[in-house]
Amino acid sequence: MPLVDLAVYVDGQRTPDPASLTDSFEVMHERGGVAWIGLYRPSKEEVREIAEEFTLHPLAVEDTLLGHQRAKLERYGDTRFVVLRPARYLDAEEEVEFGEVHLFVGRDFVVTIRHAESPDLGRVRRRMESQPELLTLGPSAILYAVLDEVVDEYAPVIAGLENDIDEIEDQLFSGDPDVSRRIFGLSREVMEFQRAVKPLVPIIETLRAEEGLDLELRRGLRDVLDHAVNAAERADAFRSILESALLVHSSLVAQDQNEEMRRMTEFGLDQNDQVKKVSGWAAILFAPTLVGTVYGMNFDNMPELLAVRLSDGARAHGRHERDPLHRLPQAGVAVEPQSPAKRDAAASGPAAAMTRSVQASRSAS
């Protein structure tokens, strides 16, 4: 049911409830009391009915219908329109849930429209009904009580956020990869909490400065203001801590990346040393490999081998061959005869000259 409670108070005492919303305005004037109407997520028709009954300003009614308003205080003639952003901490989800409550505060009526589970306005009503002397102070006293309830409900939220931040500080140095996501999530909640708390300070200061406000209400609002300032300061501190935690996390990630790059660089240098060693041995073995590869083939005309063969043949047969390229027959070796062109080329080439030189040195000896 959108209508949570409807009552008219006279001299701080609750009188018989009106039969309906439309009767509340007439009953309030007949009894000369204060009407307090509590609604929970009303429909547009119900809001317009209330607005018509109590002559609420269209702009304030439009904000109520749209919702998602920032915390603020606006005055339309004798009616004050107040938007508050209550919050509650959900232990199971470890999240902060934000609500919204709108108040129309006139000279002899208060309309509270709640769009979330928080705050518990039923508890506020019971508290006020148990203190008739406070309720006799009129609609401003009801506004004070609602403000006090909203600010008091910030205390568990602060405690929950503080606990979550302590857990993040432990996660920072444990290498948890999800810590950055949690930091961002908490930062978003803290910023939303700041948007809910910070506007309360000027709102309460404005209410305290109103003329004709009862002294006790002024003192009560001062106490609420102290709590609101404390909540705002804690929210600022939480945001600073989370920003520092994010910087520390970024530094740790960069440090891990630098360490990984250092290891990769060392591995690359080690590979370079191995490549240098392999290249050195390859250079050392290149020359003998080249010589062995070239001279290990089956040459028909190899000058050095031919010189040796001619020397051995000369000693064996005691004579010299005119044709220096003619192979001497050896035991079990078949000598392939050469064509005249090849013999002429060999006789005039460097091989023949080398052979003649070898033969001349041996003859001299």
Protein backbone atom coordinates (compact mmCIF):
# COMPACT_ATOMS: atom_id res chain seq x y z
CA MET A 1 0.00 0.00 0.00
CA PRO A 2 1.40 3.44 -0.92
CA LEU A 3 -0.26 5.03 2.11
CA VAL A 4 1.83 3.97 5.10
CA ASP A 5 0.31 6.17 7.78
CA LEU A 6 -2.01 9.13 8.06
CA ALA A 7 -2.52 11.02 11.28
CA VAL A 8 -3.48 14.41 12.65
CA TYR A 9 -1.75 15.56 15.85
CA VAL A 10 -3.18 18.12 18.23
CA ASP A 11 -1.00 19.38 21.07
CA GLY A 12 1.43 16.56 20.46
CA GLN A 13 -1.25 13.86 20.72
CA ARG A 14 -2.55 11.66 17.95
CA THR A 15 -6.22 12.07 17.19
CA PRO A 16 -8.52 9.64 15.35
CA ASP A 17 -7.19 9.07 11.85
CA PRO A 18 -9.00 10.65 8.88
CA ALA A 19 -10.96 8.27 6.71
CA SER A 20 -8.97 9.05 3.56
CA LEU A 21 -6.38 11.34 2.04
CA THR A 22 -9.04 13.70 0.78
CA ASP A 23 -10.44 14.07 4.29
CA SER A 24 -7.06 14.78 5.92
CA PHE A 25 -6.97 18.43 4.87
CA GLU A 26 -10.47 19.15 6.26
CA VAL A 27 -9.83 17.20 9.48
CA MET A 28 -6.55 19.05 10.00
CA HIS A 29 -8.28 22.43 9.80
CA GLU A 30 -11.24 21.35 11.88
CA ARG A 31 -9.04 20.11 14.72
CA GLY A 32 -6.42 22.83 14.36
CA GLY A 33 -3.62 20.29 14.39
CA VAL A 34 -0.72 19.06 12.25
CA ALA A 35 -1.23 16.41 9.59
CA TRP A 36 1.53 13.91 8.91
CA ILE A 37 1.03 11.78 5.81
CA GLY A 38 3.48 9.00 5.04
CA LEU A 39 3.63 7.48 1.53
CA TYR A 40 5.77 4.69 0.13
CA ARG A 41 6.39 4.72 -3.62
CA PRO A 42 3.06 6.31 -4.50
CA SER A 43 1.64 6.43 -8.00
CA LYS A 44 1.52 9.59 -10.06
CA GLU A 45 -2.20 9.94 -9.43
CA GLU A 46 -1.74 9.74 -5.67
CA VAL A 47 1.05 12.34 -5.75
CA ARG A 48 -1.10 14.68 -7.82
CA GLU A 49 -3.99 14.16 -5.43
CA ILE A 50 -1.81 15.16 -2.48
CA ALA A 51 -0.41 18.12 -4.44
CA GLU A 52 -3.90 19.37 -5.21
CA GLU A 53 -5.06 18.87 -1.62
CA PHE A 54 -2.16 20.80 -0.05
CA THR A 55 -1.44 23.20 -2.96
CA LEU A 56 2.09 22.00 -3.60
CA HIS A 57 4.24 23.75 -6.17
CA PRO A 58 4.29 22.08 -9.62
CA LEU A 59 8.10 22.12 -9.84
CA ALA A 60 8.44 20.29 -6.54
CA VAL A 61 5.77 17.82 -7.60
CA GLU A 62 7.62 17.23 -10.88
CA ASP A 63 10.86 16.45 -8.99
CA THR A 64 8.95 14.00 -6.83
CA LEU A 65 7.47 12.24 -9.83
CA LEU A 66 10.81 12.02 -11.63
CA GLY A 67 12.87 10.97 -8.61
CA HIS A 68 16.66 10.53 -8.65
CA GLN A 69 17.15 13.97 -7.15
CA ARG A 70 20.19 15.28 -5.30
CA ALA A 71 19.91 16.19 -1.63
CA LYS A 72 18.55 19.74 -1.48
CA LEU A 73 16.30 22.24 0.27
CA GLU A 74 13.92 24.45 -1.71
CA ARG A 75 11.32 26.88 -0.50
CA TYR A 76 8.06 27.60 -2.28
CA GLY A 77 6.21 30.21 -0.23
CA ASP A 78 5.38 28.71 3.16
CA THR A 79 6.22 25.19 1.99
CA ARG A 80 9.69 23.71 2.14
CA PHE A 81 10.62 20.91 -0.24
CA VAL A 82 13.44 18.72 1.12
CA VAL A 83 15.17 15.82 -0.63
CA LEU A 84 17.30 13.49 1.46
CA ARG A 85 19.50 10.56 0.36
CA PRO A 86 19.44 7.87 3.07
CA ALA A 87 21.78 4.91 2.86
CA ARG A 88 22.17 1.50 4.44
CA TYR A 89 24.96 -1.07 4.36
CA LEU A 90 24.11 -4.58 3.15
CA ASP A 91 26.38 -7.02 4.99
CA ALA A 92 25.67 -10.01 2.74
CA GLU A 93 26.53 -8.21 -0.49
CA GLU A 94 29.07 -5.84 1.13
CA GLU A 95 27.44 -2.97 -0.73
CA VAL A 96 25.82 0.35 0.11
CA GLU A 97 22.20 0.82 -0.93
CA PHE A 98 21.05 4.40 -1.41
CA GLY A 99 17.48 5.56 -1.15
CA GLU A 100 15.54 8.76 -1.56
CA VAL A 101 12.95 10.47 0.60
CA HIS A 102 11.05 13.66 -0.24
CA LEU A 103 9.41 15.89 2.35
CA PHE A 104 6.86 18.65 1.86
CA VAL A 105 6.87 20.69 5.06
CA GLY A 106 4.17 23.34 5.42
CA ARG A 107 2.90 25.39 8.32
CA ASP A 108 0.48 22.67 9.46
CA PHE A 109 1.33 19.54 7.48
CA VAL A 110 4.18 17.21 6.57
CA VAL A 111 4.10 14.83 3.62
CA THR A 112 6.87 12.23 3.48
CA ILE A 113 7.35 10.24 0.27
CA ARG A 114 9.77 7.35 0.55
CA HIS A 115 11.25 5.66 -2.53
CA ALA A 116 13.32 2.99 -0.74
CA GLU A 117 13.35 0.85 2.39
CA SER A 118 15.50 3.37 4.22
CA PRO A 119 14.94 5.37 6.37
CA ASP A 120 12.58 3.72 8.83
CA LEU A 121 10.03 6.50 9.15
CA GLY A 122 7.81 4.29 11.27
CA ARG A 123 10.46 4.40 13.96
CA VAL A 124 10.61 8.19 13.61
CA ARG A 125 6.83 8.44 14.07
CA ARG A 126 6.90 6.23 17.16
CA ARG A 127 9.70 8.33 18.62
CA MET A 128 7.78 11.54 18.04
CA GLU A 129 4.57 10.13 19.46
CA SER A 130 6.49 9.10 22.58
CA GLN A 131 7.68 12.71 22.99
CA PRO A 132 4.56 14.89 22.79
CA GLU A 133 6.48 17.94 23.96
CA LEU A 134 8.69 17.65 20.84
CA LEU A 135 5.75 16.98 18.55
CA THR A 136 3.99 20.12 19.76
CA LEU A 137 6.73 22.16 18.08
CA GLY A 138 5.05 21.46 14.76
CA PRO A 139 6.23 20.40 11.29
CA SER A 140 9.79 21.65 11.88
CA ALA A 141 10.13 19.11 14.68
CA ILE A 142 9.08 16.31 12.32
CA LEU A 143 11.62 17.52 9.76
CA TYR A 144 14.30 17.53 12.44
CA ALA A 145 13.41 13.99 13.50
CA VAL A 146 13.59 12.70 9.92
CA LEU A 147 16.96 14.41 9.41
CA ASP A 148 18.25 12.91 12.64
CA GLU A 149 17.16 9.43 11.56
CA VAL A 150 18.79 9.72 8.13
CA VAL A 151 22.09 10.95 9.57
CA ASP A 152 22.09 8.30 12.31
CA GLU A 153 21.69 5.58 9.68
CA TYR A 154 24.93 6.76 8.09
CA ALA A 155 26.91 5.34 11.04
CA PRO A 156 26.57 1.64 10.00
CA VAL A 157 27.41 2.65 6.44
CA ILE A 158 30.62 4.32 7.60
CA ALA A 159 31.54 1.27 9.64
CA GLY A 160 30.90 -1.06 6.67
CA LEU A 161 32.94 1.07 4.29
CA GLU A 162 35.77 1.28 6.79
CA ASN A 163 35.82 -2.50 7.12
CA ASP A 164 35.88 -2.93 3.33
CA ILE A 165 38.76 -0.48 3.02
CA ASP A 166 40.71 -2.40 5.68
CA GLU A 167 40.22 -5.57 3.64
CA ILE A 168 41.47 -3.81 0.52
CA GLU A 169 44.61 -2.72 2.32
CA ASP A 170 45.27 -6.38 3.16
CA GLN A 171 44.58 -7.45 -0.44
CA LEU A 172 46.99 -4.93 -1.92
CA PHE A 173 50.11 -6.89 -0.98
CA SER A 174 48.62 -10.36 -1.40
CA GLY A 175 48.75 -10.29 -5.20
CA ASP A 176 44.95 -10.54 -5.59
CA PRO A 177 44.17 -9.65 -9.23
CA ASP A 178 40.61 -8.52 -8.36
CA VAL A 179 41.69 -5.83 -5.92
CA SER A 180 41.62 -3.05 -8.54
CA ARG A 181 38.02 -3.86 -9.44
CA ARG A 182 37.04 -3.75 -5.79
CA ILE A 183 38.84 -0.43 -5.31
CA PHE A 184 36.88 1.07 -8.19
CA GLY A 185 33.62 -0.33 -6.84
CA LEU A 186 34.26 1.08 -3.38
CA SER A 187 35.32 4.43 -4.84
CA ARG A 188 32.01 4.64 -6.65
CA GLU A 189 30.11 3.92 -3.44
CA VAL A 190 32.15 6.46 -1.49
CA MET A 191 31.52 9.15 -4.11
CA GLU A 192 27.80 8.38 -4.00
CA PHE A 193 27.95 8.60 -0.21
CA GLN A 194 29.66 11.98 -0.49
CA ARG A 195 26.88 13.23 -2.77
CA ALA A 196 24.35 12.13 -0.17
CA VAL A 197 26.10 13.58 2.90
CA LYS A 198 27.79 16.81 1.83
CA PRO A 199 24.61 18.72 0.85
CA LEU A 200 23.18 18.06 4.32
CA VAL A 201 25.62 20.49 5.90
CA PRO A 202 24.29 23.63 4.13
CA ILE A 203 20.71 22.32 4.42
CA ILE A 204 20.92 22.01 8.20
CA GLU A 205 22.74 25.32 8.52
CA THR A 206 19.92 27.00 6.58
CA LEU A 207 17.28 25.41 8.80
CA ARG A 208 19.10 26.50 11.96
CA ALA A 209 19.22 30.07 10.69
CA GLU A 210 15.45 30.34 10.23
CA GLU A 211 13.70 32.92 12.32
CA GLY A 212 11.27 31.81 14.97
CA LEU A 213 12.81 28.38 15.34
CA ASP A 214 12.48 26.91 18.80
CA LEU A 215 15.66 26.83 20.87
CA GLU A 216 15.47 23.09 21.49
CA LEU A 217 15.04 22.44 17.79
CA ARG A 218 18.01 24.66 17.08
CA ARG A 219 20.10 22.64 19.53
CA GLY A 220 18.86 19.39 18.04
CA LEU A 221 19.76 20.54 14.54
CA ARG A 222 23.21 21.53 15.78
CA ASP A 223 23.74 17.95 16.99
CA VAL A 224 22.57 16.59 13.63
CA LEU A 225 24.91 19.04 11.91
CA ASP A 226 27.88 17.73 13.90
CA HIS A 227 27.09 14.18 12.87
CA ALA A 228 26.66 15.21 9.24
CA VAL A 229 29.99 17.06 9.22
CA ASN A 230 31.68 14.01 10.75
CA ALA A 231 30.14 11.73 8.12
CA ALA A 232 31.27 14.08 5.34
CA GLU A 233 34.81 14.16 6.70
CA ARG A 234 34.93 10.38 6.95
CA ALA A 235 33.72 10.12 3.37
CA ASP A 236 36.49 12.48 2.24
CA ALA A 237 39.04 10.42 4.16
CA PHE A 238 37.76 7.19 2.60
CA ARG A 239 38.07 8.64 -0.88
CA SER A 240 41.65 9.77 -0.20
CA ILE A 241 42.56 6.32 1.13
CA LEU A 242 41.07 4.61 -1.92
CA GLU A 243 42.92 6.95 -4.28
CA SER A 244 46.17 6.18 -2.45
CA ALA A 245 45.38 2.47 -2.57
CA LEU A 246 44.82 2.69 -6.31
CA LEU A 247 48.19 4.45 -6.74
CA VAL A 248 49.93 1.82 -4.61
CA HIS A 249 48.28 -0.93 -6.64
CA SER A 250 49.40 0.71 -9.89
CA SER A 251 52.94 0.98 -8.52
CA LEU A 252 52.95 -2.69 -7.51
CA VAL A 253 51.69 -3.73 -10.94
CA ALA A 254 54.37 -1.59 -12.60
CA GLN A 255 57.00 -3.09 -10.31
CA ASP A 256 55.91 -6.62 -11.24
CA GLN A 257 56.02 -5.70 -14.92
CA ASN A 258 59.52 -4.25 -14.54
CA GLU A 259 60.67 -7.41 -12.78
CA GLU A 260 59.24 -9.51 -15.58
CA MET A 261 60.97 -7.32 -18.16
CA ARG A 262 64.25 -7.66 -16.25
CA ARG A 263 63.97 -11.45 -16.32
CA MET A 264 63.19 -11.40 -20.02
CA THR A 265 66.16 -9.12 -20.67
CA GLU A 266 68.48 -11.42 -18.74
CA PHE A 267 67.18 -14.39 -20.69
CA GLY A 268 67.77 -12.51 -23.96
CA LEU A 269 71.32 -11.61 -22.95
CA ASP A 270 72.01 -15.22 -22.06
CA GLN A 271 70.74 -16.28 -25.46
CA ASN A 272 72.99 -13.71 -27.10
CA ASP A 273 76.01 -15.14 -25.26
CA GLN A 274 75.16 -18.63 -26.49
CA VAL A 275 74.77 -17.36 -30.04
CA LYS A 276 78.17 -15.65 -29.82
CA LYS A 277 79.81 -18.87 -28.67
CA VAL A 278 78.22 -20.86 -31.47
CA SER A 279 79.22 -18.20 -34.00
CA GLY A 280 82.83 -18.25 -32.73
CA TRP A 281 83.15 -21.99 -33.06
CA ALA A 282 81.56 -21.83 -36.49
CA ALA A 283 84.13 -19.22 -37.58
CA ILE A 284 86.98 -21.37 -36.22
CA LEU A 285 85.76 -24.47 -38.03
CA PHE A 286 84.96 -22.65 -41.25
CA ALA A 287 88.51 -22.68 -42.76
CA PRO A 288 89.31 -26.38 -42.25
CA THR A 289 85.78 -27.29 -43.27
CA LEU A 290 86.21 -25.29 -46.49
CA VAL A 291 89.60 -26.85 -47.24
CA GLY A 292 88.35 -30.34 -46.49
CA THR A 293 85.25 -29.80 -48.56
CA VAL A 294 87.13 -28.48 -51.59
CA TYR A 295 90.07 -30.92 -51.56
CA GLY A 296 88.01 -33.86 -50.45
CA MET A 297 86.40 -34.09 -53.88
CA ASN A 298 87.60 -36.50 -56.64
CA PHE A 299 89.87 -34.21 -58.76
CA ASP A 300 91.27 -35.59 -61.95
CA ASN A 301 93.91 -32.86 -62.24
CA MET A 302 95.22 -31.97 -58.79
CA PRO A 303 98.66 -30.28 -59.10
CA GLU A 304 100.02 -31.30 -55.73
CA LEU A 305 98.99 -34.93 -56.16
CA LEU A 306 100.36 -34.94 -59.68
CA ALA A 307 103.73 -33.61 -58.51
CA VAL A 308 104.05 -36.36 -55.95
CA ARG A 309 103.10 -38.98 -58.45
CA LEU A 310 105.65 -37.70 -60.99
CA SER A 311 108.39 -37.70 -58.38
CA ASP A 312 107.57 -41.24 -57.30
CA GLY A 313 107.36 -42.38 -60.91
CA ALA A 314 110.70 -40.85 -61.75
CA ARG A 315 112.39 -42.59 -58.90
CA ALA A 316 110.71 -45.88 -59.68
CA HIS A 317 111.57 -45.94 -63.39
CA GLY A 318 114.60 -43.64 -63.44
CA ARG A 319 113.23 -41.42 -66.13
CA HIS A 320 111.13 -38.28 -66.65
CA GLU A 321 108.03 -38.01 -68.65
CA ARG A 322 107.84 -35.25 -71.24
CA ASP A 323 104.15 -34.84 -70.74
CA PRO A 324 103.84 -33.49 -67.14
CA LEU A 325 100.13 -34.17 -67.01
CA HIS A 326 100.40 -37.78 -68.03
CA ARG A 327 99.65 -39.92 -65.00
CA LEU A 328 102.23 -42.59 -64.19
CA PRO A 329 100.78 -46.08 -63.99
CA GLN A 330 100.67 -47.56 -60.53
CA ALA A 331 99.82 -50.97 -59.30
CA GLY A 332 96.10 -51.57 -59.55
CA VAL A 333 95.38 -48.01 -60.79
CA ALA A 334 94.01 -47.44 -64.25
CA VAL A 335 95.19 -44.25 -65.89
CA GLU A 336 92.74 -42.57 -68.22
CA PRO A 337 94.51 -41.06 -71.26
CA GLN A 338 94.00 -37.39 -71.82
CA SER A 339 93.08 -35.65 -74.99
CA PRO A 340 95.76 -33.59 -76.82
CA ALA A 341 93.96 -30.37 -75.98
CA LYS A 342 94.05 -31.14 -72.27
CA ARG A 343 97.71 -32.12 -72.44
CA ASP A 344 98.63 -28.90 -74.21
CA ALA A 345 96.69 -26.80 -71.67
CA ALA A 346 98.32 -28.63 -68.79
CA ALA A 347 101.86 -28.32 -70.27
CA SER A 348 101.58 -24.58 -70.52
CA GLY A 349 99.74 -24.01 -67.27
CA PRO A 350 100.92 -23.33 -63.71
CA ALA A 351 100.70 -26.98 -62.78
CA ALA A 352 103.37 -27.86 -65.34
CA ALA A 353 105.58 -25.07 -64.12
CA MET A 354 105.22 -26.31 -60.53
CA THR A 355 106.08 -29.84 -61.64
CA ARG A 356 109.22 -28.69 -63.47
CA SER A 357 110.28 -26.75 -60.41
CA VAL A 358 109.85 -29.77 -58.14
CA GLN A 359 111.77 -31.97 -60.56
CA ALA A 360 114.62 -29.45 -60.85
CA SER A 361 114.99 -29.21 -57.07
CA ARG A 362 115.10 -32.98 -56.71
CA SER A 363 117.63 -33.36 -59.54
CA ALA A 364 119.87 -30.84 -57.88
CA SER A 365 119.75 -32.80 -54.66
